[in-house]
């Protein structure tokens, strides 16, 4: 809980400083927009966090979101699929891709970085090819208002993506912190070989984390597509995987694996979006957004190194 406490304090201080620099930060409109962004980015960040906890990485999230957005738009507006079938396909496709990632990683022993880097390129290329590089959309969303409400609606004054994030986070909290499967995830991340000798099916655990991440990516893909109502296959979802990785690392997920928490990922996502909001409110050039993300990831990794070094010293002393 030390990492979660530290980042919570940092988030509180950042919010206070942002409010002092620009009181518009606490305006209802800005808070609603920020909560909406936290919701949409937080959902796929939860999945990325699980993958990182197992010692893996996924660089293909943004391209998956673009591919799902393109296919969802075409399924609803051009192929005239029922919205239930289109939604199921938009979620099942990333799950299938996640299963393929897991199979290649566990059975072919290819590094997750290489597999998902190839996925980043393949899925983006497929999205552009299928859409003929044309921008896709949903118009007035007639006949599938449910999706539009899920992406832009509110419940008890809270944006629906934020509400959905909280629901999914509660479920994932029980999965990671209160189930045997969650213990297996952490054990595999700490030492895969030791976990295997302990009787854990490490292949299944690693592959399942990618499948869960794919499911959450598919849900995010639906929300992003309807929120923007404009899916450009060449740019939609660009660098979203970096947001997820940054949120997970900020939240205490070690890139070595074996460490992390759902609460930490949520706080990391919120901190990252507040940082983005600070850049916008202060009128700083938006091109620095990626520089901010890169700095955040670097600081998170350096902090992890420091914590690891201190932990090792304590063990040696005892």
Protein backbone atom coordinates (compact mmCIF):
# COMPACT_ATOMS: atom_id res chain seq x y z
CA UNK A 1 0.00 0.00 0.00
CA UNK A 2 3.01 2.32 0.26
CA UNK A 3 3.09 2.94 -3.49
CA UNK A 4 -0.66 3.58 -3.63
CA UNK A 5 -0.43 5.99 -0.72
CA UNK A 6 2.46 7.86 -2.28
CA UNK A 7 0.79 8.26 -5.66
CA UNK A 8 -2.50 9.25 -3.98
CA UNK A 9 -0.69 12.07 -2.18
CA UNK A 10 0.94 13.08 -5.48
CA UNK A 11 -2.47 13.11 -7.20
CA UNK A 12 -3.96 15.26 -4.44
CA UNK A 13 -1.05 17.73 -4.58
CA UNK A 14 -1.25 17.89 -8.39
CA UNK A 15 -4.99 18.61 -8.24
CA UNK A 16 -4.44 21.33 -5.64
CA UNK A 17 -1.65 22.97 -7.65
CA UNK A 18 -3.69 22.79 -10.86
CA UNK A 19 -6.66 24.41 -9.10
CA UNK A 20 -4.45 27.23 -7.81
CA UNK A 21 -2.98 27.84 -11.25
CA UNK A 22 -6.35 27.65 -13.00
CA UNK A 23 -9.59 27.52 -10.98
CA UNK A 24 -11.39 26.22 -14.08
CA UNK A 25 -9.96 22.83 -13.18
CA UNK A 26 -12.70 22.30 -10.59
CA UNK A 27 -15.50 23.56 -12.83
CA UNK A 28 -18.27 20.96 -13.31
CA UNK A 29 -17.67 20.80 -17.05
CA UNK A 30 -13.94 20.17 -16.70
CA UNK A 31 -14.37 17.62 -13.92
CA UNK A 32 -16.96 15.76 -15.98
CA UNK A 33 -14.68 15.71 -19.03
CA UNK A 34 -11.73 14.54 -16.93
CA UNK A 35 -13.80 11.77 -15.33
CA UNK A 36 -14.95 10.71 -18.79
CA UNK A 37 -11.36 10.46 -20.01
CA UNK A 38 -10.32 8.55 -16.88
CA UNK A 39 -13.13 6.10 -17.54
CA UNK A 40 -12.28 5.37 -21.16
CA UNK A 41 -8.51 5.18 -20.68
CA UNK A 42 -8.79 3.38 -17.37
CA UNK A 43 -10.71 0.38 -18.74
CA UNK A 44 -8.01 -0.82 -21.11
CA UNK A 45 -5.31 0.23 -18.62
CA UNK A 46 -6.70 -2.38 -16.21
CA UNK A 47 -6.09 -5.06 -18.82
CA UNK A 48 -2.62 -3.77 -19.62
CA UNK A 49 -1.86 -3.79 -15.90
CA UNK A 50 -2.69 -7.50 -15.67
CA UNK A 51 -0.37 -8.26 -18.58
CA UNK A 52 2.43 -6.23 -16.98
CA UNK A 53 1.90 -8.02 -13.65
CA UNK A 54 2.66 -11.33 -15.40
CA UNK A 55 5.91 -9.82 -16.69
CA UNK A 56 4.59 -9.11 -20.18
CA UNK A 57 3.81 -6.04 -22.24
CA UNK A 58 1.27 -5.15 -24.93
CA UNK A 59 2.09 -2.53 -27.55
CA UNK A 60 -0.86 -3.32 -29.83
CA UNK A 61 -3.71 -1.80 -27.78
CA UNK A 62 -4.05 1.40 -29.83
CA UNK A 63 -4.11 -0.50 -33.13
CA UNK A 64 -6.67 -2.95 -31.71
CA UNK A 65 -8.89 -0.02 -30.75
CA UNK A 66 -8.59 1.39 -34.29
CA UNK A 67 -9.39 -1.98 -35.88
CA UNK A 68 -12.38 -2.52 -33.58
CA UNK A 69 -13.66 1.01 -34.25
CA UNK A 70 -13.46 0.56 -38.02
CA UNK A 71 -15.15 -2.85 -37.97
CA UNK A 72 -17.84 -1.69 -35.53
CA UNK A 73 -18.70 1.30 -37.70
CA UNK A 74 -18.85 -0.76 -40.88
CA UNK A 75 -20.85 -3.54 -39.17
CA UNK A 76 -23.51 -1.10 -37.97
CA UNK A 77 -23.73 1.40 -40.83
CA UNK A 78 -22.71 -0.61 -43.93
CA UNK A 79 -23.32 -4.27 -43.15
CA UNK A 80 -26.39 -3.51 -40.98
CA UNK A 81 -25.63 -6.08 -38.30
CA UNK A 82 -27.79 -6.11 -35.14
CA UNK A 83 -26.08 -3.94 -32.53
CA UNK A 84 -25.77 -6.89 -30.15
CA UNK A 85 -23.87 -8.94 -32.74
CA UNK A 86 -21.65 -5.97 -33.65
CA UNK A 87 -20.82 -5.35 -29.98
CA UNK A 88 -20.05 -9.02 -29.39
CA UNK A 89 -17.74 -9.07 -32.42
CA UNK A 90 -15.97 -5.87 -31.26
CA UNK A 91 -15.18 -7.51 -27.92
CA UNK A 92 -14.52 -11.06 -29.11
CA UNK A 93 -12.04 -10.02 -31.82
CA UNK A 94 -9.53 -8.45 -29.36
CA UNK A 95 -10.01 -11.48 -27.07
CA UNK A 96 -9.11 -13.75 -29.98
CA UNK A 97 -6.08 -11.62 -30.79
CA UNK A 98 -5.10 -11.72 -27.12
CA UNK A 99 -5.34 -15.52 -27.19
CA UNK A 100 -3.08 -15.59 -30.26
CA UNK A 101 -0.58 -13.35 -28.47
CA UNK A 102 -0.63 -15.63 -25.44
CA UNK A 103 -0.20 -18.77 -27.54
CA UNK A 104 2.77 -17.34 -29.43
CA UNK A 105 4.38 -16.11 -26.21
CA UNK A 106 3.91 -19.30 -24.20
CA UNK A 107 4.26 -21.99 -26.86
CA UNK A 108 6.62 -20.41 -29.38
CA UNK A 109 8.60 -18.62 -26.66
CA UNK A 110 8.62 -15.32 -28.55
CA UNK A 111 9.10 -12.18 -26.47
CA UNK A 112 5.85 -10.27 -25.72
CA UNK A 113 7.51 -7.07 -26.95
CA UNK A 114 8.08 -8.58 -30.42
CA UNK A 115 4.64 -10.21 -30.67
CA UNK A 116 2.71 -7.09 -29.70
CA UNK A 117 4.95 -4.79 -31.76
CA UNK A 118 4.07 -6.89 -34.80
CA UNK A 119 0.42 -6.69 -33.71
CA UNK A 120 0.66 -2.91 -33.56
CA UNK A 121 1.72 -2.82 -37.20
CA UNK A 122 -0.56 -5.60 -38.47
CA UNK A 123 -3.79 -4.38 -36.86
CA UNK A 124 -3.21 -0.78 -37.90
CA UNK A 125 -2.51 -1.92 -41.46
CA UNK A 126 -5.65 -4.09 -41.49
CA UNK A 127 -7.76 -1.20 -40.19
CA UNK A 128 -6.50 1.05 -42.97
CA UNK A 129 -6.94 -1.63 -45.63
CA UNK A 130 -10.47 -2.60 -44.59
CA UNK A 131 -11.58 1.04 -44.44
CA UNK A 132 -9.67 1.96 -47.61
CA UNK A 133 -8.04 4.62 -45.41
CA UNK A 134 -11.38 6.43 -45.17
CA UNK A 135 -12.73 7.88 -41.94
CA UNK A 136 -15.67 5.94 -40.55
CA UNK A 137 -18.45 7.15 -38.25
CA UNK A 138 -21.93 6.47 -36.92
CA UNK A 139 -23.85 9.57 -37.98
CA UNK A 140 -26.71 10.26 -35.58
CA UNK A 141 -26.36 6.73 -34.11
CA UNK A 142 -29.94 5.93 -35.04
CA UNK A 143 -30.83 2.41 -33.96
CA UNK A 144 -27.86 2.02 -31.66
CA UNK A 145 -28.34 4.88 -29.22
CA UNK A 146 -27.34 2.48 -26.43
CA UNK A 147 -23.69 2.77 -27.46
CA UNK A 148 -23.86 6.54 -27.74
CA UNK A 149 -25.36 6.79 -24.26
CA UNK A 150 -22.70 4.44 -22.90
CA UNK A 151 -19.96 6.67 -24.34
CA UNK A 152 -21.49 10.11 -23.74
CA UNK A 153 -24.33 9.63 -21.26
CA UNK A 154 -24.43 10.08 -17.48
CA UNK A 155 -25.69 8.16 -14.49
CA UNK A 156 -26.31 10.06 -11.24
CA UNK A 157 -24.32 12.94 -12.71
CA UNK A 158 -21.28 10.77 -13.46
CA UNK A 159 -20.11 9.99 -17.01
CA UNK A 160 -21.07 6.47 -18.03
CA UNK A 161 -17.48 5.45 -18.99
CA UNK A 162 -16.38 6.41 -15.46
CA UNK A 163 -19.23 4.40 -13.92
CA UNK A 164 -18.35 1.43 -16.13
CA UNK A 165 -14.70 1.74 -15.09
CA UNK A 166 -15.64 1.59 -11.40
CA UNK A 167 -17.79 -1.51 -11.97
CA UNK A 168 -15.05 -3.27 -13.93
CA UNK A 169 -12.40 -2.18 -11.41
CA UNK A 170 -14.39 -3.72 -8.54
CA UNK A 171 -14.67 -6.99 -10.48
CA UNK A 172 -10.97 -6.94 -11.38
CA UNK A 173 -10.05 -6.13 -7.76
CA UNK A 174 -11.71 -9.34 -6.62
CA UNK A 175 -10.08 -11.24 -9.49
CA UNK A 176 -6.56 -10.01 -8.70
CA UNK A 177 -6.63 -9.62 -4.93
CA UNK A 178 -9.22 -12.09 -3.68
CA UNK A 179 -8.99 -15.10 -5.96
CA UNK A 180 -6.60 -17.99 -6.50
CA UNK A 181 -6.24 -16.89 -10.11
CA UNK A 182 -4.98 -13.50 -8.93
CA UNK A 183 -2.36 -15.21 -6.77
CA UNK A 184 -1.29 -17.21 -9.80
CA UNK A 185 -0.90 -14.02 -11.84
CA UNK A 186 1.37 -12.47 -9.22
CA UNK A 187 3.32 -15.69 -8.74
CA UNK A 188 3.97 -16.09 -12.47
CA UNK A 189 5.13 -12.49 -12.66
CA UNK A 190 7.55 -12.90 -9.76
CA UNK A 191 9.11 -16.12 -10.99
CA UNK A 192 7.57 -18.06 -13.87
CA UNK A 193 9.81 -21.09 -13.46
CA UNK A 194 9.16 -21.37 -9.73
CA UNK A 195 5.42 -20.99 -10.35
CA UNK A 196 5.52 -23.80 -12.89
CA UNK A 197 7.33 -26.11 -10.47
CA UNK A 198 4.67 -25.24 -7.88
CA UNK A 199 2.04 -26.77 -10.12
CA UNK A 200 0.69 -23.59 -11.72
CA UNK A 201 -0.20 -23.83 -15.39
CA UNK A 202 1.87 -20.78 -16.33
CA UNK A 203 0.97 -20.98 -20.01
CA UNK A 204 -2.72 -20.77 -19.24
CA UNK A 205 -2.24 -17.92 -16.76
CA UNK A 206 -0.17 -15.81 -19.16
CA UNK A 207 -2.50 -16.46 -22.11
CA UNK A 208 -5.59 -15.69 -20.03
CA UNK A 209 -4.17 -12.33 -18.96
CA UNK A 210 -3.86 -11.38 -22.64
CA UNK A 211 -7.41 -12.55 -23.30
CA UNK A 212 -8.78 -10.46 -20.41
CA UNK A 213 -6.76 -7.49 -21.64
CA UNK A 214 -8.28 -8.02 -25.10
CA UNK A 215 -11.79 -8.02 -23.66
CA UNK A 216 -11.21 -4.74 -21.82
CA UNK A 217 -9.58 -3.25 -24.93
CA UNK A 218 -12.67 -4.20 -26.96
CA UNK A 219 -14.95 -2.46 -24.45
CA UNK A 220 -12.75 0.64 -24.58
CA UNK A 221 -12.73 0.46 -28.37
CA UNK A 222 -16.53 0.67 -28.48
CA UNK A 223 -16.57 3.64 -26.10
CA UNK A 224 -13.84 5.54 -27.95
CA UNK A 225 -15.49 4.95 -31.33
CA UNK A 226 -18.85 6.35 -30.22
CA UNK A 227 -17.31 9.13 -28.13
CA UNK A 228 -15.36 10.53 -31.07
CA UNK A 229 -17.96 9.43 -33.67
CA UNK A 230 -15.09 9.56 -36.12
CA UNK A 231 -12.71 6.65 -36.64
CA UNK A 232 -9.72 7.50 -38.80
CA UNK A 233 -7.88 4.20 -39.24
CA UNK A 234 -4.48 5.88 -39.54
CA UNK A 235 -4.69 7.91 -36.32
CA UNK A 236 -7.50 6.52 -34.13
CA UNK A 237 -6.00 5.04 -30.95
CA UNK A 238 -2.48 6.21 -31.73
CA UNK A 239 -0.15 5.72 -28.71
CA UNK A 240 -3.03 4.65 -26.45
CA UNK A 241 -0.90 1.73 -25.29
CA UNK A 242 1.54 4.26 -23.85
CA UNK A 243 -1.23 5.78 -21.74
CA UNK A 244 -2.03 2.34 -20.37
CA UNK A 245 1.59 1.43 -19.69
CA UNK A 246 2.23 4.81 -18.07
CA UNK A 247 -0.88 4.47 -15.86
CA UNK A 248 0.11 0.96 -14.76
CA UNK A 249 3.73 1.91 -14.05
CA UNK A 250 2.66 5.04 -12.18
CA UNK A 251 0.23 2.91 -10.19
CA UNK A 252 2.98 0.60 -8.95
CA UNK A 253 3.01 -2.18 -11.55
CA UNK A 254 6.62 -3.29 -11.94
CA UNK A 255 7.78 -3.89 -15.50
CA UNK A 256 9.64 -6.89 -14.09
CA UNK A 257 6.29 -8.41 -13.17
CA UNK A 258 4.88 -9.74 -9.92
CA UNK A 259 3.75 -6.39 -8.52
CA UNK A 260 0.72 -4.20 -9.00
CA UNK A 261 -2.78 -3.45 -7.82
CA UNK A 262 -6.09 -2.42 -9.34
CA UNK A 263 -6.31 0.62 -7.06
CA UNK A 264 -2.84 1.70 -8.14
CA UNK A 265 -3.78 1.46 -11.83
CA UNK A 266 -6.87 3.59 -11.22
CA UNK A 267 -4.86 6.24 -9.40
CA UNK A 268 -2.19 6.13 -12.10
CA UNK A 269 -4.81 6.66 -14.79
CA UNK A 270 -6.32 9.58 -12.89
CA UNK A 271 -2.89 11.15 -12.34
CA UNK A 272 -2.02 10.86 -16.01
CA UNK A 273 -5.28 12.45 -17.13
CA UNK A 274 -4.91 15.28 -14.59
CA UNK A 275 -1.42 15.91 -16.00
CA UNK A 276 -2.89 16.06 -19.51
CA UNK A 277 -5.59 18.39 -18.25
CA UNK A 278 -2.97 20.60 -16.61
CA UNK A 279 -1.11 20.91 -19.92
CA UNK A 280 -4.34 21.98 -21.66
CA UNK A 281 -5.49 24.42 -18.96
CA UNK A 282 -2.14 26.17 -18.80
CA UNK A 283 -2.11 26.63 -22.57
CA UNK A 284 1.03 24.55 -23.01
CA UNK A 285 1.58 23.27 -26.54
CA UNK A 286 -0.33 19.98 -26.84
CA UNK A 287 2.59 18.49 -28.75
CA UNK A 288 4.29 18.17 -25.35
CA UNK A 289 1.69 15.60 -24.24
CA UNK A 290 3.86 12.71 -25.36
CA UNK A 291 6.89 14.29 -23.71
CA UNK A 292 4.90 14.39 -20.47
CA UNK A 293 3.97 10.72 -20.88
CA UNK A 294 7.56 9.73 -21.60
CA UNK A 295 8.78 11.62 -18.55
CA UNK A 296 6.10 10.00 -16.40
CA UNK A 297 7.08 6.49 -17.53
CA UNK A 298 10.76 7.25 -16.94
CA UNK A 299 10.08 8.58 -13.44
CA UNK A 300 7.95 5.54 -12.67
CA UNK A 301 10.67 3.13 -13.81
CA UNK A 302 13.33 5.02 -11.85
CA UNK A 303 11.13 4.93 -8.75
CA UNK A 304 10.66 1.18 -9.22
CA UNK A 305 14.44 0.75 -9.44
CA UNK A 306 14.91 2.69 -6.22
CA UNK A 307 12.27 0.63 -4.39
CA UNK A 308 13.81 -2.59 -5.67
CA UNK A 309 17.28 -1.54 -4.55
CA UNK A 310 16.04 -0.58 -1.08
CA UNK A 311 14.15 -3.85 -0.76
CA UNK A 312 17.25 -5.83 -1.70
CA UNK A 313 19.35 -3.96 0.88
CA UNK A 314 16.82 -4.68 3.62
CA UNK A 315 16.88 -8.37 2.75
CA UNK A 316 20.68 -8.43 2.92
CA UNK A 317 20.65 -6.74 6.31
CA UNK A 318 18.24 -9.29 7.72
